[in-house]
Amino acid sequence: MTISTRDVNRLRKIIELCEQVLKSAEMPDTKAPAKAKGAQKTADKRTRRSGKELVAFRKMLVAERKRGASVAELAKKHGISAAYIYQL
């Protein structure tokens, strides 16, 4: 099976367009804003808490909620979702 000249030209055009898209995608993000320490950790790698860690984390969250901290603040501070806080 051979490819016609017309098909080859179409493929070259597609490759050229893809290269342009990749070049434009690399340029804008030269400096990303710094993230919170907890959010940085979870963004890089998801971790699973062991049983003891989870119990301590739950107690800490409950204590902070009793002190009046909002769920949104806690979620941002610890790098977890608000739904996860409500679930715990």
C-alpha atoms as a PDB file:
ATOM      1  CA  MET A   1       0.000   0.000   0.000  1.00  0.00           C
ATOM      2  CA  THR A   2       1.338   3.399  -0.952  1.00  0.00           C
ATOM      3  CA  ILE A   3       0.406   6.803   0.293  1.00  0.00           C
ATOM      4  CA  SER A   4      -0.504   9.405  -2.264  1.00  0.00           C
ATOM      5  CA  THR A   5       1.304  12.736  -2.505  1.00  0.00           C
ATOM      6  CA  ARG A   6      -1.865  14.471  -1.390  1.00  0.00           C
ATOM      7  CA  ASP A   7      -2.023  12.389   1.803  1.00  0.00           C
ATOM      8  CA  VAL A   8       1.659  13.025   2.527  1.00  0.00           C
ATOM      9  CA  ASN A   9       1.098  16.768   2.212  1.00  0.00           C
ATOM     10  CA  ARG A  10      -1.895  16.578   4.562  1.00  0.00           C
ATOM     11  CA  LEU A  11       0.175  14.678   7.137  1.00  0.00           C
ATOM     12  CA  ARG A  12       2.962  17.266   6.911  1.00  0.00           C
ATOM     13  CA  LYS A  13       0.432  20.036   7.502  1.00  0.00           C
ATOM     14  CA  ILE A  14      -0.941  18.207  10.560  1.00  0.00           C
ATOM     15  CA  ILE A  15       2.577  17.803  11.981  1.00  0.00           C
ATOM     16  CA  GLU A  16       3.309  21.483  11.378  1.00  0.00           C
ATOM     17  CA  LEU A  17       0.126  22.521  13.191  1.00  0.00           C
ATOM     18  CA  CYS A  18       0.920  20.219  16.122  1.00  0.00           C
ATOM     19  CA  GLU A  19       4.390  21.727  16.471  1.00  0.00           C
ATOM     20  CA  GLN A  20       2.885  25.233  16.524  1.00  0.00           C
ATOM     21  CA  VAL A  21       0.438  24.219  19.250  1.00  0.00           C
ATOM     22  CA  LEU A  22       3.233  22.704  21.342  1.00  0.00           C
ATOM     23  CA  LYS A  23       5.376  25.822  20.996  1.00  0.00           C
ATOM     24  CA  SER A  24       2.534  28.092  22.072  1.00  0.00           C
ATOM     25  CA  ALA A  25       1.644  25.808  25.000  1.00  0.00           C
ATOM     26  CA  GLU A  26       5.183  25.966  26.424  1.00  0.00           C
ATOM     27  CA  MET A  27       5.531  29.746  26.483  1.00  0.00           C
ATOM     28  CA  PRO A  28       2.944  31.224  28.941  1.00  0.00           C
ATOM     29  CA  ASP A  29       3.785  29.352  32.185  1.00  0.00           C
ATOM     30  CA  THR A  30       7.264  30.697  32.885  1.00  0.00           C
ATOM     31  CA  LYS A  31       6.577  31.392  36.565  1.00  0.00           C
ATOM     32  CA  ALA A  32       3.870  29.510  38.419  1.00  0.00           C
ATOM     33  CA  PRO A  33       2.606  30.989  41.710  1.00  0.00           C
ATOM     34  CA  ALA A  34       3.901  29.325  44.862  1.00  0.00           C
ATOM     35  CA  LYS A  35       1.514  26.912  46.550  1.00  0.00           C
ATOM     36  CA  ALA A  36       0.939  26.304  50.219  1.00  0.00           C
ATOM     37  CA  LYS A  37       3.263  23.756  51.795  1.00  0.00           C
ATOM     38  CA  GLY A  38       0.536  21.150  52.333  1.00  0.00           C
ATOM     39  CA  ALA A  39      -0.962  21.682  48.902  1.00  0.00           C
ATOM     40  CA  GLN A  40       2.461  21.324  47.268  1.00  0.00           C
ATOM     41  CA  LYS A  41       2.965  17.937  48.893  1.00  0.00           C
ATOM     42  CA  THR A  42      -0.374  16.527  47.742  1.00  0.00           C
ATOM     43  CA  ALA A  43      -0.062  18.012  44.282  1.00  0.00           C
ATOM     44  CA  ASP A  44       3.256  16.222  43.726  1.00  0.00           C
ATOM     45  CA  LYS A  45       2.277  12.833  45.088  1.00  0.00           C
ATOM     46  CA  ARG A  46      -0.862  11.460  46.665  1.00  0.00           C
ATOM     47  CA  THR A  47      -0.262   9.814  50.003  1.00  0.00           C
ATOM     48  CA  ARG A  48      -2.357   7.481  52.062  1.00  0.00           C
ATOM     49  CA  ARG A  49      -2.467   8.016  55.800  1.00  0.00           C
ATOM     50  CA  SER A  50      -1.972   5.046  58.057  1.00  0.00           C
ATOM     51  CA  GLY A  51      -4.523   4.258  60.752  1.00  0.00           C
ATOM     52  CA  LYS A  52      -2.705   6.139  63.511  1.00  0.00           C
ATOM     53  CA  GLU A  53      -2.038   9.141  61.290  1.00  0.00           C
ATOM     54  CA  LEU A  54      -5.665   9.241  60.174  1.00  0.00           C
ATOM     55  CA  VAL A  55      -6.963   9.191  63.751  1.00  0.00           C
ATOM     56  CA  ALA A  56      -4.622  12.043  64.686  1.00  0.00           C
ATOM     57  CA  PHE A  57      -5.593  13.974  61.542  1.00  0.00           C
ATOM     58  CA  ARG A  58      -9.308  13.578  62.300  1.00  0.00           C
ATOM     59  CA  LYS A  59      -8.832  14.784  65.874  1.00  0.00           C
ATOM     60  CA  MET A  60      -6.864  17.781  64.659  1.00  0.00           C
ATOM     61  CA  LEU A  61      -9.560  18.654  62.100  1.00  0.00           C
ATOM     62  CA  VAL A  62     -12.337  18.361  64.683  1.00  0.00           C
ATOM     63  CA  ALA A  63     -10.399  20.587  67.086  1.00  0.00           C
ATOM     64  CA  GLU A  64      -9.814  23.222  64.413  1.00  0.00           C
ATOM     65  CA  ARG A  65     -13.478  23.134  63.373  1.00  0.00           C
ATOM     66  CA  LYS A  66     -14.531  23.637  67.016  1.00  0.00           C
ATOM     67  CA  ARG A  67     -12.244  26.665  67.157  1.00  0.00           C
ATOM     68  CA  GLY A  68     -14.193  28.112  64.237  1.00  0.00           C
ATOM     69  CA  ALA A  69     -11.983  27.430  61.226  1.00  0.00           C
ATOM     70  CA  SER A  70     -13.910  27.168  57.985  1.00  0.00           C
ATOM     71  CA  VAL A  71     -13.835  23.996  55.941  1.00  0.00           C
ATOM     72  CA  ALA A  72     -12.492  25.890  52.929  1.00  0.00           C
ATOM     73  CA  GLU A  73      -9.551  27.221  54.943  1.00  0.00           C
ATOM     74  CA  LEU A  74      -8.748  23.773  56.326  1.00  0.00           C
ATOM     75  CA  ALA A  75      -8.976  22.174  52.894  1.00  0.00           C
ATOM     76  CA  LYS A  76      -6.601  24.728  51.414  1.00  0.00           C
ATOM     77  CA  LYS A  77      -4.207  24.531  54.370  1.00  0.00           C
ATOM     78  CA  HIS A  78      -3.914  20.736  54.318  1.00  0.00           C
ATOM     79  CA  GLY A  79      -4.226  20.239  50.563  1.00  0.00           C
ATOM     80  CA  ILE A  80      -7.391  18.136  50.700  1.00  0.00           C
ATOM     81  CA  SER A  81     -10.904  18.628  49.405  1.00  0.00           C
ATOM     82  CA  ALA A  82     -13.744  20.064  51.459  1.00  0.00           C
ATOM     83  CA  ALA A  83     -15.756  16.924  50.705  1.00  0.00           C
ATOM     84  CA  TYR A  84     -13.027  14.823  52.325  1.00  0.00           C
ATOM     85  CA  ILE A  85     -13.253  16.938  55.486  1.00  0.00           C
ATOM     86  CA  TYR A  86     -17.021  16.498  55.639  1.00  0.00           C
ATOM     87  CA  GLN A  87     -16.586  12.769  55.011  1.00  0.00           C
ATOM     88  CA  LEU A  88     -14.220  12.423  57.966  1.00  0.00           C
END
